[in-house]
Amino acid sequence: MFDSLNRAFFFGGLFLETVIIGLLFYRHVWRTLPVFCSYCVWDVASNAALMGISHFSSTLTFQAYFVDEILDSALIFAVLVELAWSVLRPIRSSLSRSSLVIVALLILVAGVAIWPFAALQGIAQAREALLYFQLQQTTSILRILFFLVLAGGSQLLSIGWRDRELQVATGLGLYSIVALTVAVIQTHQATLAQHEQLAFAASAGYLGCLAYWAFSFAQQEAARREFTPQMQTFLLAIAGAARSARVGFDEDQGRKPHDRSDR
């Protein structure tokens, strides 16, 4: 029974992922969110590869999943940076060149802050397994926080549920909530059957995320609205402060050789 359900979830997910990729290209989402589109293609390829490895080489299964989790986390980080940068689209022309780096650093700092609290006890004793689950939970919590910030600030950011950025973040966030909940509950379950049932619950949550994306991407995206005057003023003030700091740093660097020659 479990094998049949596992195959059904796998092929159902593969079908929905293929539909989503087709919709992303049909709706030209790849023009504004190329990293997310690349991530969707990667996800299909990696899932198919992992399924093949688990069938033909059980000894390499964990190593394959561990490497996949590292690459997946790196891509998710890039997706979150892309989403944050896309949200700032209305004022990007007024931002400094370093603004994208600052956005990436803020998300990276959030991930580093989450890391120590993401270790779930009771799942495994092997060091590599603990690192695997800690990385997995860190990424899940980061996606949830990103979704909550984006959804909570949607009015100030002038985005709604028909904007691609919030649609992508919602799918990632809701699935991460299910996956994190399942992972926490699994630490208190003793039998293999209970673990497998909870794993299927996580798979069902992932299928729900894919179905939501397929429905959302099938709709025409809403025209992007401008920021509220308060938010625009706030963001431009931050950009101006960052630009002034950079100019001041450049001027200091330019004066240093002259100061040394005067000595």
C-alpha atoms as a PDB file:
ATOM      1  CA  MET A   1       0.000   0.000   0.000  1.00  0.00           C
ATOM      2  CA  PHE A   2       2.754   2.439   0.947  1.00  0.00           C
ATOM      3  CA  ASP A   3       4.623   1.713  -2.275  1.00  0.00           C
ATOM      4  CA  SER A   4       1.497   2.357  -4.342  1.00  0.00           C
ATOM      5  CA  LEU A   5       0.851   5.656  -2.565  1.00  0.00           C
ATOM      6  CA  ASN A   6       4.477   6.641  -2.954  1.00  0.00           C
ATOM      7  CA  ARG A   7       4.350   6.038  -6.707  1.00  0.00           C
ATOM      8  CA  ALA A   8       1.038   7.884  -6.966  1.00  0.00           C
ATOM      9  CA  PHE A   9       2.472  10.916  -5.136  1.00  0.00           C
ATOM     10  CA  PHE A  10       5.617  10.825  -7.271  1.00  0.00           C
ATOM     11  CA  PHE A  11       3.871  10.704 -10.641  1.00  0.00           C
ATOM     12  CA  GLY A  12       1.193  13.154  -9.489  1.00  0.00           C
ATOM     13  CA  GLY A  13       3.904  15.599  -8.437  1.00  0.00           C
ATOM     14  CA  LEU A  14       5.817  15.041 -11.663  1.00  0.00           C
ATOM     15  CA  PHE A  15       2.690  15.794 -13.692  1.00  0.00           C
ATOM     16  CA  LEU A  16       1.895  18.973 -11.745  1.00  0.00           C
ATOM     17  CA  GLU A  17       5.513  20.163 -11.922  1.00  0.00           C
ATOM     18  CA  THR A  18       5.494  19.679 -15.700  1.00  0.00           C
ATOM     19  CA  VAL A  19       2.235  21.639 -15.941  1.00  0.00           C
ATOM     20  CA  ILE A  20       3.710  24.428 -13.814  1.00  0.00           C
ATOM     21  CA  ILE A  21       6.831  24.686 -15.979  1.00  0.00           C
ATOM     22  CA  GLY A  22       4.642  24.911 -19.068  1.00  0.00           C
ATOM     23  CA  LEU A  23       2.531  27.660 -17.473  1.00  0.00           C
ATOM     24  CA  LEU A  24       5.617  29.599 -16.380  1.00  0.00           C
ATOM     25  CA  PHE A  25       6.857  29.750 -19.957  1.00  0.00           C
ATOM     26  CA  TYR A  26       3.372  30.321 -21.392  1.00  0.00           C
ATOM     27  CA  ARG A  27       2.798  33.270 -19.049  1.00  0.00           C
ATOM     28  CA  HIS A  28       6.381  34.541 -19.621  1.00  0.00           C
ATOM     29  CA  VAL A  29       7.137  34.360 -15.909  1.00  0.00           C
ATOM     30  CA  TRP A  30      10.691  33.351 -16.843  1.00  0.00           C
ATOM     31  CA  ARG A  31      11.314  36.972 -17.874  1.00  0.00           C
ATOM     32  CA  THR A  32      10.755  38.349 -14.366  1.00  0.00           C
ATOM     33  CA  LEU A  33      11.572  35.282 -12.229  1.00  0.00           C
ATOM     34  CA  PRO A  34      14.220  33.302 -14.138  1.00  0.00           C
ATOM     35  CA  VAL A  35      15.759  31.788 -11.002  1.00  0.00           C
ATOM     36  CA  PHE A  36      12.406  30.415  -9.822  1.00  0.00           C
ATOM     37  CA  CYS A  37      11.743  28.951 -13.263  1.00  0.00           C
ATOM     38  CA  SER A  38      15.190  27.333 -13.209  1.00  0.00           C
ATOM     39  CA  TYR A  39      14.439  25.975  -9.748  1.00  0.00           C
ATOM     40  CA  CYS A  40      11.227  24.317 -10.988  1.00  0.00           C
ATOM     41  CA  VAL A  41      13.127  22.624 -13.830  1.00  0.00           C
ATOM     42  CA  TRP A  42      15.838  21.553 -11.380  1.00  0.00           C
ATOM     43  CA  ASP A  43      13.224  20.150  -8.993  1.00  0.00           C
ATOM     44  CA  VAL A  44      11.742  17.895 -11.682  1.00  0.00           C
ATOM     45  CA  ALA A  45      15.184  16.640 -12.740  1.00  0.00           C
ATOM     46  CA  SER A  46      16.423  16.074  -9.176  1.00  0.00           C
ATOM     47  CA  ASN A  47      13.256  14.257  -8.076  1.00  0.00           C
ATOM     48  CA  ALA A  48      13.482  11.921 -11.059  1.00  0.00           C
ATOM     49  CA  ALA A  49      17.195  11.314 -10.386  1.00  0.00           C
ATOM     50  CA  LEU A  50      16.612  10.604  -6.693  1.00  0.00           C
ATOM     51  CA  MET A  51      13.830   8.170  -7.492  1.00  0.00           C
ATOM     52  CA  GLY A  52      16.135   6.325  -9.875  1.00  0.00           C
ATOM     53  CA  ILE A  53      19.011   6.232  -7.393  1.00  0.00           C
ATOM     54  CA  SER A  54      16.780   4.929  -4.594  1.00  0.00           C
ATOM     55  CA  HIS A  55      15.681   2.033  -6.814  1.00  0.00           C
ATOM     56  CA  PHE A  56      19.064   1.027  -8.249  1.00  0.00           C
ATOM     57  CA  SER A  57      21.542   1.863  -5.484  1.00  0.00           C
ATOM     58  CA  SER A  58      20.254   1.899  -1.926  1.00  0.00           C
ATOM     59  CA  THR A  59      23.778   2.505  -0.568  1.00  0.00           C
ATOM     60  CA  LEU A  60      23.988   5.874  -2.352  1.00  0.00           C
ATOM     61  CA  THR A  61      20.475   7.040  -1.447  1.00  0.00           C
ATOM     62  CA  PHE A  62      21.351   9.116   1.620  1.00  0.00           C
ATOM     63  CA  GLN A  63      24.429  10.685  -0.001  1.00  0.00           C
ATOM     64  CA  ALA A  64      22.324  11.630  -3.016  1.00  0.00           C
ATOM     65  CA  TYR A  65      19.620  13.188  -0.823  1.00  0.00           C
ATOM     66  CA  PHE A  66      22.245  15.047   1.210  1.00  0.00           C
ATOM     67  CA  VAL A  67      23.859  16.594  -1.883  1.00  0.00           C
ATOM     68  CA  ASP A  68      20.418  17.350  -3.301  1.00  0.00           C
ATOM     69  CA  GLU A  69      19.418  19.143  -0.087  1.00  0.00           C
ATOM     70  CA  ILE A  70      22.528  21.351  -0.219  1.00  0.00           C
ATOM     71  CA  LEU A  71      21.889  22.318  -3.838  1.00  0.00           C
ATOM     72  CA  ASP A  72      18.167  22.757  -3.206  1.00  0.00           C
ATOM     73  CA  SER A  73      18.837  25.069  -0.237  1.00  0.00           C
ATOM     74  CA  ALA A  74      21.241  27.174  -2.309  1.00  0.00           C
ATOM     75  CA  LEU A  75      18.634  27.513  -5.057  1.00  0.00           C
ATOM     76  CA  ILE A  76      15.898  28.377  -2.549  1.00  0.00           C
ATOM     77  CA  PHE A  77      18.144  31.123  -1.166  1.00  0.00           C
ATOM     78  CA  ALA A  78      18.579  32.479  -4.703  1.00  0.00           C
ATOM     79  CA  VAL A  79      14.802  32.282  -5.268  1.00  0.00           C
ATOM     80  CA  LEU A  80      14.089  34.280  -2.100  1.00  0.00           C
ATOM     81  CA  VAL A  81      16.622  36.938  -3.112  1.00  0.00           C
ATOM     82  CA  GLU A  82      15.025  37.109  -6.556  1.00  0.00           C
ATOM     83  CA  LEU A  83      11.533  37.449  -5.066  1.00  0.00           C
ATOM     84  CA  ALA A  84      12.629  40.224  -2.707  1.00  0.00           C
ATOM     85  CA  TRP A  85      14.372  42.054  -5.534  1.00  0.00           C
ATOM     86  CA  SER A  86      11.325  41.636  -7.785  1.00  0.00           C
ATOM     87  CA  VAL A  87       9.069  43.104  -5.091  1.00  0.00           C
ATOM     88  CA  LEU A  88      11.226  46.240  -5.213  1.00  0.00           C
ATOM     89  CA  ARG A  89      10.722  46.522  -8.977  1.00  0.00           C
ATOM     90  CA  PRO A  90       8.786  49.857  -8.870  1.00  0.00           C
ATOM     91  CA  ILE A  91      11.768  51.710  -7.366  1.00  0.00           C
ATOM     92  CA  ARG A  92      14.724  49.606  -8.537  1.00  0.00           C
ATOM     93  CA  SER A  93      15.879  52.352 -10.893  1.00  0.00           C
ATOM     94  CA  SER A  94      16.329  54.613  -7.860  1.00  0.00           C
ATOM     95  CA  LEU A  95      18.262  52.077  -5.818  1.00  0.00           C
ATOM     96  CA  SER A  96      22.036  51.813  -5.656  1.00  0.00           C
ATOM     97  CA  ARG A  97      23.958  48.964  -7.276  1.00  0.00           C
ATOM     98  CA  SER A  98      24.700  47.481  -3.877  1.00  0.00           C
ATOM     99  CA  SER A  99      21.017  47.148  -2.971  1.00  0.00           C
ATOM    100  CA  LEU A 100      20.768  43.622  -4.391  1.00  0.00           C
ATOM    101  CA  VAL A 101      23.804  42.590  -2.333  1.00  0.00           C
ATOM    102  CA  ILE A 102      22.221  44.112   0.777  1.00  0.00           C
ATOM    103  CA  VAL A 103      18.986  42.176   0.151  1.00  0.00           C
ATOM    104  CA  ALA A 104      20.957  38.936  -0.254  1.00  0.00           C
ATOM    105  CA  LEU A 105      22.946  39.609   2.924  1.00  0.00           C
ATOM    106  CA  LEU A 106      19.778  40.275   4.941  1.00  0.00           C
ATOM    107  CA  ILE A 107      18.285  36.936   3.868  1.00  0.00           C
ATOM    108  CA  LEU A 108      21.596  35.182   4.518  1.00  0.00           C
ATOM    109  CA  VAL A 109      21.836  36.699   8.004  1.00  0.00           C
ATOM    110  CA  ALA A 110      18.285  35.508   8.717  1.00  0.00           C
ATOM    111  CA  GLY A 111      19.266  31.987   7.660  1.00  0.00           C
ATOM    112  CA  VAL A 112      22.395  32.042   9.843  1.00  0.00           C
ATOM    113  CA  ALA A 113      20.314  33.235  12.823  1.00  0.00           C
ATOM    114  CA  ILE A 114      17.820  30.392  12.293  1.00  0.00           C
ATOM    115  CA  TRP A 115      20.477  27.669  11.961  1.00  0.00           C
ATOM    116  CA  PRO A 116      21.218  27.051  15.691  1.00  0.00           C
ATOM    117  CA  PHE A 117      17.495  26.722  16.489  1.00  0.00           C
ATOM    118  CA  ALA A 118      16.673  24.406  13.577  1.00  0.00           C
ATOM    119  CA  ALA A 119      18.205  21.217  14.956  1.00  0.00           C
ATOM    120  CA  LEU A 120      15.471  18.691  15.757  1.00  0.00           C
ATOM    121  CA  GLN A 121      16.411  16.167  18.417  1.00  0.00           C
ATOM    122  CA  GLY A 122      15.387  12.545  18.245  1.00  0.00           C
ATOM    123  CA  ILE A 123      15.438  12.072  14.463  1.00  0.00           C
ATOM    124  CA  ALA A 124      18.866  10.506  14.008  1.00  0.00           C
ATOM    125  CA  GLN A 125      22.205  10.122  15.759  1.00  0.00           C
ATOM    126  CA  ALA A 126      24.569  10.175  12.765  1.00  0.00           C
ATOM    127  CA  ARG A 127      26.247  13.547  12.292  1.00  0.00           C
ATOM    128  CA  GLU A 128      25.511  13.719   8.555  1.00  0.00           C
ATOM    129  CA  ALA A 129      21.846  12.905   9.155  1.00  0.00           C
ATOM    130  CA  LEU A 130      21.583  15.622  11.811  1.00  0.00           C
ATOM    131  CA  LEU A 131      23.194  18.141   9.457  1.00  0.00           C
ATOM    132  CA  TYR A 132      20.794  17.095   6.703  1.00  0.00           C
ATOM    133  CA  PHE A 133      17.711  17.661   8.860  1.00  0.00           C
ATOM    134  CA  GLN A 134      19.099  20.880  10.327  1.00  0.00           C
ATOM    135  CA  LEU A 135      19.691  22.296   6.852  1.00  0.00           C
ATOM    136  CA  GLN A 136      16.240  21.147   5.780  1.00  0.00           C
ATOM    137  CA  GLN A 137      14.510  22.785   8.746  1.00  0.00           C
ATOM    138  CA  THR A 138      16.560  25.989   8.430  1.00  0.00           C
ATOM    139  CA  THR A 139      15.402  26.346   4.831  1.00  0.00           C
ATOM    140  CA  SER A 140      11.794  25.598   5.813  1.00  0.00           C
ATOM    141  CA  ILE A 141      11.758  28.197   8.592  1.00  0.00           C
ATOM    142  CA  LEU A 142      13.388  30.777   6.315  1.00  0.00           C
ATOM    143  CA  ARG A 143      10.691  30.210   3.672  1.00  0.00           C
ATOM    144  CA  ILE A 144       7.954  30.534   6.279  1.00  0.00           C
ATOM    145  CA  LEU A 145       9.391  33.803   7.639  1.00  0.00           C
ATOM    146  CA  PHE A 146       9.781  35.196   4.123  1.00  0.00           C
ATOM    147  CA  PHE A 147       6.156  34.330   3.317  1.00  0.00           C
ATOM    148  CA  LEU A 148       4.884  35.886   6.570  1.00  0.00           C
ATOM    149  CA  VAL A 149       6.867  39.098   6.015  1.00  0.00           C
ATOM    150  CA  LEU A 150       5.705  39.382   2.410  1.00  0.00           C
ATOM    151  CA  ALA A 151       2.074  38.589   3.210  1.00  0.00           C
ATOM    152  CA  GLY A 152       2.055  40.788   6.308  1.00  0.00           C
ATOM    153  CA  GLY A 153       3.562  43.735   4.415  1.00  0.00           C
ATOM    154  CA  SER A 154       1.524  43.229   1.245  1.00  0.00           C
ATOM    155  CA  GLN A 155      -0.438  46.454   1.724  1.00  0.00           C
ATOM    156  CA  LEU A 156       2.676  48.583   2.157  1.00  0.00           C
ATOM    157  CA  LEU A 157       4.432  46.751  -0.675  1.00  0.00           C
ATOM    158  CA  SER A 158       1.365  47.119  -2.928  1.00  0.00           C
ATOM    159  CA  ILE A 159       1.227  43.441  -3.838  1.00  0.00           C
ATOM    160  CA  GLY A 160      -1.727  41.053  -3.765  1.00  0.00           C
ATOM    161  CA  TRP A 161      -2.537  37.405  -4.303  1.00  0.00           C
ATOM    162  CA  ARG A 162      -2.497  37.891  -8.080  1.00  0.00           C
ATOM    163  CA  ASP A 163       1.115  39.073  -8.040  1.00  0.00           C
ATOM    164  CA  ARG A 164       3.598  36.335  -8.931  1.00  0.00           C
ATOM    165  CA  GLU A 165       5.950  37.178  -6.067  1.00  0.00           C
ATOM    166  CA  LEU A 166       3.290  36.566  -3.415  1.00  0.00           C
ATOM    167  CA  GLN A 167       1.996  33.484  -5.241  1.00  0.00           C
ATOM    168  CA  VAL A 168       5.450  31.900  -5.243  1.00  0.00           C
ATOM    169  CA  ALA A 169       6.120  32.862  -1.620  1.00  0.00           C
ATOM    170  CA  THR A 170       2.707  31.530  -0.541  1.00  0.00           C
ATOM    171  CA  GLY A 171       3.318  28.141  -2.120  1.00  0.00           C
ATOM    172  CA  LEU A 172       6.780  27.872  -0.572  1.00  0.00           C
ATOM    173  CA  GLY A 173       5.546  29.064   2.819  1.00  0.00           C
ATOM    174  CA  LEU A 174       2.485  26.851   3.112  1.00  0.00           C
ATOM    175  CA  TYR A 175       4.376  23.727   2.073  1.00  0.00           C
ATOM    176  CA  SER A 176       7.155  24.573   4.521  1.00  0.00           C
ATOM    177  CA  ILE A 177       4.607  24.916   7.340  1.00  0.00           C
ATOM    178  CA  VAL A 178       3.305  21.408   6.575  1.00  0.00           C
ATOM    179  CA  ALA A 179       6.817  19.937   6.227  1.00  0.00           C
ATOM    180  CA  LEU A 180       8.064  21.558   9.441  1.00  0.00           C
ATOM    181  CA  THR A 181       4.995  20.415  11.378  1.00  0.00           C
ATOM    182  CA  VAL A 182       5.453  16.865  10.123  1.00  0.00           C
ATOM    183  CA  ALA A 183       9.157  16.896  11.038  1.00  0.00           C
ATOM    184  CA  VAL A 184       8.404  18.062  14.596  1.00  0.00           C
ATOM    185  CA  ILE A 185       5.680  15.428  15.074  1.00  0.00           C
ATOM    186  CA  GLN A 186       7.928  12.682  13.695  1.00  0.00           C
ATOM    187  CA  THR A 187      10.426  13.259  16.514  1.00  0.00           C
ATOM    188  CA  HIS A 188       7.753  12.022  18.942  1.00  0.00           C
ATOM    189  CA  GLN A 189       6.636   8.982  16.923  1.00  0.00           C
ATOM    190  CA  ALA A 190       8.193   5.615  17.619  1.00  0.00           C
ATOM    191  CA  THR A 191       6.971   3.271  14.892  1.00  0.00           C
ATOM    192  CA  LEU A 192       7.982   3.101  11.247  1.00  0.00           C
ATOM    193  CA  ALA A 193       4.337   3.060  10.153  1.00  0.00           C
ATOM    194  CA  GLN A 194       3.696   6.373  11.921  1.00  0.00           C
ATOM    195  CA  HIS A 195       6.745   7.926  10.256  1.00  0.00           C
ATOM    196  CA  GLU A 196       5.563   6.746   6.846  1.00  0.00           C
ATOM    197  CA  GLN A 197       2.049   8.085   7.388  1.00  0.00           C
ATOM    198  CA  LEU A 198       3.430  11.482   8.354  1.00  0.00           C
ATOM    199  CA  ALA A 199       5.762  11.424   5.338  1.00  0.00           C
ATOM    200  CA  PHE A 200       2.730  10.917   3.128  1.00  0.00           C
ATOM    201  CA  ALA A 201       1.081  13.895   4.839  1.00  0.00           C
ATOM    202  CA  ALA A 202       4.105  16.000   3.850  1.00  0.00           C
ATOM    203  CA  SER A 203       3.864  14.678   0.280  1.00  0.00           C
ATOM    204  CA  ALA A 204       0.168  15.575   0.203  1.00  0.00           C
ATOM    205  CA  GLY A 205       1.068  19.087   1.356  1.00  0.00           C
ATOM    206  CA  TYR A 206       3.612  19.351  -1.453  1.00  0.00           C
ATOM    207  CA  LEU A 207       0.991  18.265  -3.998  1.00  0.00           C
ATOM    208  CA  GLY A 208      -1.331  20.912  -2.575  1.00  0.00           C
ATOM    209  CA  CYS A 209       1.391  23.531  -3.065  1.00  0.00           C
ATOM    210  CA  LEU A 210       1.883  22.424  -6.677  1.00  0.00           C
ATOM    211  CA  ALA A 211      -1.873  22.480  -7.328  1.00  0.00           C
ATOM    212  CA  TYR A 212      -2.044  26.027  -5.905  1.00  0.00           C
ATOM    213  CA  TRP A 213       0.804  27.135  -8.152  1.00  0.00           C
ATOM    214  CA  ALA A 214      -0.777  25.499 -11.211  1.00  0.00           C
ATOM    215  CA  PHE A 215      -4.058  27.299 -10.512  1.00  0.00           C
ATOM    216  CA  SER A 216      -2.324  30.631  -9.790  1.00  0.00           C
ATOM    217  CA  PHE A 217      -0.005  30.587 -12.801  1.00  0.00           C
ATOM    218  CA  ALA A 218      -2.896  29.703 -15.082  1.00  0.00           C
ATOM    219  CA  GLN A 219      -4.389  33.122 -14.256  1.00  0.00           C
ATOM    220  CA  GLN A 220      -3.260  36.359 -15.822  1.00  0.00           C
ATOM    221  CA  GLU A 221      -0.955  38.321 -13.536  1.00  0.00           C
ATOM    222  CA  ALA A 222      -2.286  41.590 -12.167  1.00  0.00           C
ATOM    223  CA  ALA A 223      -0.622  44.810 -13.300  1.00  0.00           C
ATOM    224  CA  ARG A 224       2.026  45.791 -10.793  1.00  0.00           C
ATOM    225  CA  ARG A 225       0.993  48.715  -8.597  1.00  0.00           C
ATOM    226  CA  GLU A 226       3.282  51.446  -7.333  1.00  0.00           C
ATOM    227  CA  PHE A 227       4.329  51.538  -3.705  1.00  0.00           C
ATOM    228  CA  THR A 228       2.365  53.596  -1.230  1.00  0.00           C
ATOM    229  CA  PRO A 229       3.894  57.097  -0.770  1.00  0.00           C
ATOM    230  CA  GLN A 230       4.968  56.183   2.770  1.00  0.00           C
ATOM    231  CA  MET A 231       6.737  53.020   1.662  1.00  0.00           C
ATOM    232  CA  GLN A 232       8.351  54.700  -1.335  1.00  0.00           C
ATOM    233  CA  THR A 233       9.704  57.487   0.858  1.00  0.00           C
ATOM    234  CA  PHE A 234      10.992  54.981   3.401  1.00  0.00           C
ATOM    235  CA  LEU A 235      12.751  52.772   0.839  1.00  0.00           C
ATOM    236  CA  LEU A 236      14.269  55.702  -1.036  1.00  0.00           C
ATOM    237  CA  ALA A 237      15.537  57.139   2.251  1.00  0.00           C
ATOM    238  CA  ILE A 238      17.278  53.853   2.998  1.00  0.00           C
ATOM    239  CA  ALA A 239      18.693  53.781  -0.539  1.00  0.00           C
ATOM    240  CA  GLY A 240      19.940  57.355  -0.165  1.00  0.00           C
ATOM    241  CA  ALA A 241      21.625  56.551   3.138  1.00  0.00           C
ATOM    242  CA  ALA A 242      23.319  53.511   1.615  1.00  0.00           C
ATOM    243  CA  ARG A 243      24.479  55.545  -1.398  1.00  0.00           C
ATOM    244  CA  SER A 244      25.878  58.290   0.870  1.00  0.00           C
ATOM    245  CA  ALA A 245      27.731  55.731   2.965  1.00  0.00           C
ATOM    246  CA  ARG A 246      29.247  54.185  -0.163  1.00  0.00           C
ATOM    247  CA  VAL A 247      30.315  57.568  -1.546  1.00  0.00           C
ATOM    248  CA  GLY A 248      31.878  58.474   1.784  1.00  0.00           C
ATOM    249  CA  PHE A 249      33.761  55.171   1.853  1.00  0.00           C
ATOM    250  CA  ASP A 250      35.017  55.718  -1.716  1.00  0.00           C
ATOM    251  CA  GLU A 251      36.192  59.207  -0.853  1.00  0.00           C
ATOM    252  CA  ASP A 252      38.052  57.908   2.202  1.00  0.00           C
ATOM    253  CA  GLN A 253      39.737  55.280   0.076  1.00  0.00           C
ATOM    254  CA  GLY A 254      40.686  57.934  -2.467  1.00  0.00           C
ATOM    255  CA  ARG A 255      42.284  60.150   0.184  1.00  0.00           C
ATOM    256  CA  LYS A 256      44.419  57.465   1.790  1.00  0.00           C
ATOM    257  CA  PRO A 257      47.240  57.386  -0.813  1.00  0.00           C
ATOM    258  CA  HIS A 258      47.602  61.201  -0.563  1.00  0.00           C
ATOM    259  CA  ASP A 259      47.725  61.052   3.211  1.00  0.00           C
ATOM    260  CA  ARG A 260      50.543  58.508   3.085  1.00  0.00           C
ATOM    261  CA  SER A 261      52.563  60.578   0.568  1.00  0.00           C
ATOM    262  CA  ASP A 262      52.305  63.664   2.797  1.00  0.00           C
ATOM    263  CA  ARG A 263      53.938  61.795   5.643  1.00  0.00           C
END
